[in-house]
Amino acid sequence: MPKNVTIFTTNTCGYCQMVKKYLAAKGVGYEEVNLDDNPSRQAEALALSGAMTVPVTVVTKDDDSREVIVGYNLAKLAPAVA
């Protein structure tokens, strides 16, 4: 299991909802950073992902390494949170 999961989302993002539902189904806790409510953190999401889109999921492992997953990408998300 990952040490920490953070998801950058917006209110109108359907893929964000899908990522949150997937993590909940797997029993993985996460911190949500809604960029509509916290626009000051948009630069952080961009710096992490290099993309102007959401969701941006940041999985921090026990060794403090990070994996950044852009969009709803189960091929990357599933092994990252396993």
C-alpha atoms as a PDB file:
ATOM      1  CA  MET A   1       0.000   0.000   0.000  1.00  0.00           C
ATOM      2  CA  PRO A   2       1.189   3.522  -0.684  1.00  0.00           C
ATOM      3  CA  LYS A   3       2.147   5.809   2.144  1.00  0.00           C
ATOM      4  CA  ASN A   4       0.187   8.751   0.777  1.00  0.00           C
ATOM      5  CA  VAL A   5      -2.113   9.500  -2.183  1.00  0.00           C
ATOM      6  CA  THR A   6      -3.086  13.006  -3.283  1.00  0.00           C
ATOM      7  CA  ILE A   7      -5.561  13.717  -6.091  1.00  0.00           C
ATOM      8  CA  PHE A   8      -5.811  17.132  -7.725  1.00  0.00           C
ATOM      9  CA  THR A   9      -9.398  17.535  -8.984  1.00  0.00           C
ATOM     10  CA  THR A  10     -11.992  20.047 -10.153  1.00  0.00           C
ATOM     11  CA  ASN A  11     -15.741  20.166  -9.562  1.00  0.00           C
ATOM     12  CA  THR A  12     -16.680  19.306 -13.152  1.00  0.00           C
ATOM     13  CA  CYS A  13     -14.187  16.488 -13.805  1.00  0.00           C
ATOM     14  CA  GLY A  14     -15.857  13.129 -14.444  1.00  0.00           C
ATOM     15  CA  TYR A  15     -12.529  11.295 -14.541  1.00  0.00           C
ATOM     16  CA  CYS A  16     -11.702  12.688 -11.103  1.00  0.00           C
ATOM     17  CA  GLN A  17     -14.843  11.032  -9.748  1.00  0.00           C
ATOM     18  CA  MET A  18     -13.813   7.748 -11.384  1.00  0.00           C
ATOM     19  CA  VAL A  19     -10.347   7.838  -9.767  1.00  0.00           C
ATOM     20  CA  LYS A  20     -11.886   8.578  -6.349  1.00  0.00           C
ATOM     21  CA  LYS A  21     -14.393   5.721  -6.738  1.00  0.00           C
ATOM     22  CA  TYR A  22     -11.623   3.325  -7.798  1.00  0.00           C
ATOM     23  CA  LEU A  23      -9.461   4.205  -4.788  1.00  0.00           C
ATOM     24  CA  ALA A  24     -12.436   3.925  -2.417  1.00  0.00           C
ATOM     25  CA  ALA A  25     -13.278   0.487  -3.835  1.00  0.00           C
ATOM     26  CA  LYS A  26      -9.686  -0.600  -3.226  1.00  0.00           C
ATOM     27  CA  GLY A  27      -9.730   0.797   0.315  1.00  0.00           C
ATOM     28  CA  VAL A  28      -7.015   3.340  -0.457  1.00  0.00           C
ATOM     29  CA  GLY A  29      -7.286   6.603   1.461  1.00  0.00           C
ATOM     30  CA  TYR A  30      -6.400   9.849  -0.263  1.00  0.00           C
ATOM     31  CA  GLU A  31      -6.208  13.596   0.139  1.00  0.00           C
ATOM     32  CA  GLU A  32      -8.227  15.550  -2.397  1.00  0.00           C
ATOM     33  CA  VAL A  33      -7.057  18.973  -3.534  1.00  0.00           C
ATOM     34  CA  ASN A  34      -9.917  20.607  -5.402  1.00  0.00           C
ATOM     35  CA  LEU A  35      -8.363  23.215  -7.677  1.00  0.00           C
ATOM     36  CA  ASP A  36     -11.657  25.106  -8.014  1.00  0.00           C
ATOM     37  CA  ASP A  37     -11.576  25.644  -4.248  1.00  0.00           C
ATOM     38  CA  ASN A  38      -7.768  26.003  -4.027  1.00  0.00           C
ATOM     39  CA  PRO A  39      -6.616  27.797  -7.206  1.00  0.00           C
ATOM     40  CA  SER A  40      -3.318  28.681  -5.535  1.00  0.00           C
ATOM     41  CA  ARG A  41      -2.320  24.995  -5.838  1.00  0.00           C
ATOM     42  CA  GLN A  42      -2.730  24.846  -9.647  1.00  0.00           C
ATOM     43  CA  ALA A  43       0.974  25.610 -10.135  1.00  0.00           C
ATOM     44  CA  GLU A  44       1.825  22.672  -7.872  1.00  0.00           C
ATOM     45  CA  ALA A  45      -0.307  20.279  -9.954  1.00  0.00           C
ATOM     46  CA  LEU A  46       1.242  21.605 -13.169  1.00  0.00           C
ATOM     47  CA  ALA A  47       4.786  21.273 -11.804  1.00  0.00           C
ATOM     48  CA  LEU A  48       4.132  17.673 -10.752  1.00  0.00           C
ATOM     49  CA  SER A  49       2.412  16.534 -13.935  1.00  0.00           C
ATOM     50  CA  GLY A  50       3.511  18.856 -16.711  1.00  0.00           C
ATOM     51  CA  ALA A  51      -0.136  18.849 -17.807  1.00  0.00           C
ATOM     52  CA  MET A  52      -2.944  21.388 -17.634  1.00  0.00           C
ATOM     53  CA  THR A  53      -5.543  18.710 -16.929  1.00  0.00           C
ATOM     54  CA  VAL A  54      -7.001  16.771 -14.020  1.00  0.00           C
ATOM     55  CA  PRO A  55      -7.068  14.396 -12.330  1.00  0.00           C
ATOM     56  CA  VAL A  56      -3.454  14.380 -11.252  1.00  0.00           C
ATOM     57  CA  THR A  57      -2.859  11.560  -8.795  1.00  0.00           C
ATOM     58  CA  VAL A  58       0.363  11.588  -6.797  1.00  0.00           C
ATOM     59  CA  VAL A  59       1.231   8.289  -5.117  1.00  0.00           C
ATOM     60  CA  THR A  60       3.992   8.485  -2.520  1.00  0.00           C
ATOM     61  CA  LYS A  61       5.526   5.119  -1.667  1.00  0.00           C
ATOM     62  CA  ASP A  62       7.014   3.970   1.620  1.00  0.00           C
ATOM     63  CA  ASP A  63      10.506   4.850   0.323  1.00  0.00           C
ATOM     64  CA  ASP A  64       9.262   8.421  -0.389  1.00  0.00           C
ATOM     65  CA  SER A  65       9.467   7.933  -4.161  1.00  0.00           C
ATOM     66  CA  ARG A  66       6.563   9.456  -6.092  1.00  0.00           C
ATOM     67  CA  GLU A  67       4.558   8.316  -9.050  1.00  0.00           C
ATOM     68  CA  VAL A  68       2.457  10.929 -10.840  1.00  0.00           C
ATOM     69  CA  ILE A  69      -0.496   9.674 -12.883  1.00  0.00           C
ATOM     70  CA  VAL A  70      -2.365  12.047 -15.178  1.00  0.00           C
ATOM     71  CA  GLY A  71      -5.968  11.268 -16.042  1.00  0.00           C
ATOM     72  CA  TYR A  72      -7.920   8.096 -15.379  1.00  0.00           C
ATOM     73  CA  ASN A  73      -5.227   5.573 -16.270  1.00  0.00           C
ATOM     74  CA  LEU A  74      -5.854   2.247 -14.538  1.00  0.00           C
ATOM     75  CA  ALA A  75      -2.822   0.680 -16.204  1.00  0.00           C
ATOM     76  CA  LYS A  76      -0.646   3.010 -14.115  1.00  0.00           C
ATOM     77  CA  LEU A  77      -2.921   3.640 -11.131  1.00  0.00           C
ATOM     78  CA  ALA A  78      -3.614   0.017 -10.192  1.00  0.00           C
ATOM     79  CA  PRO A  79       0.017  -1.059  -9.736  1.00  0.00           C
ATOM     80  CA  ALA A  80       0.925   2.274  -8.106  1.00  0.00           C
ATOM     81  CA  VAL A  81      -1.551   1.734  -5.259  1.00  0.00           C
ATOM     82  CA  ALA A  82      -1.161  -2.053  -4.953  1.00  0.00           C
END
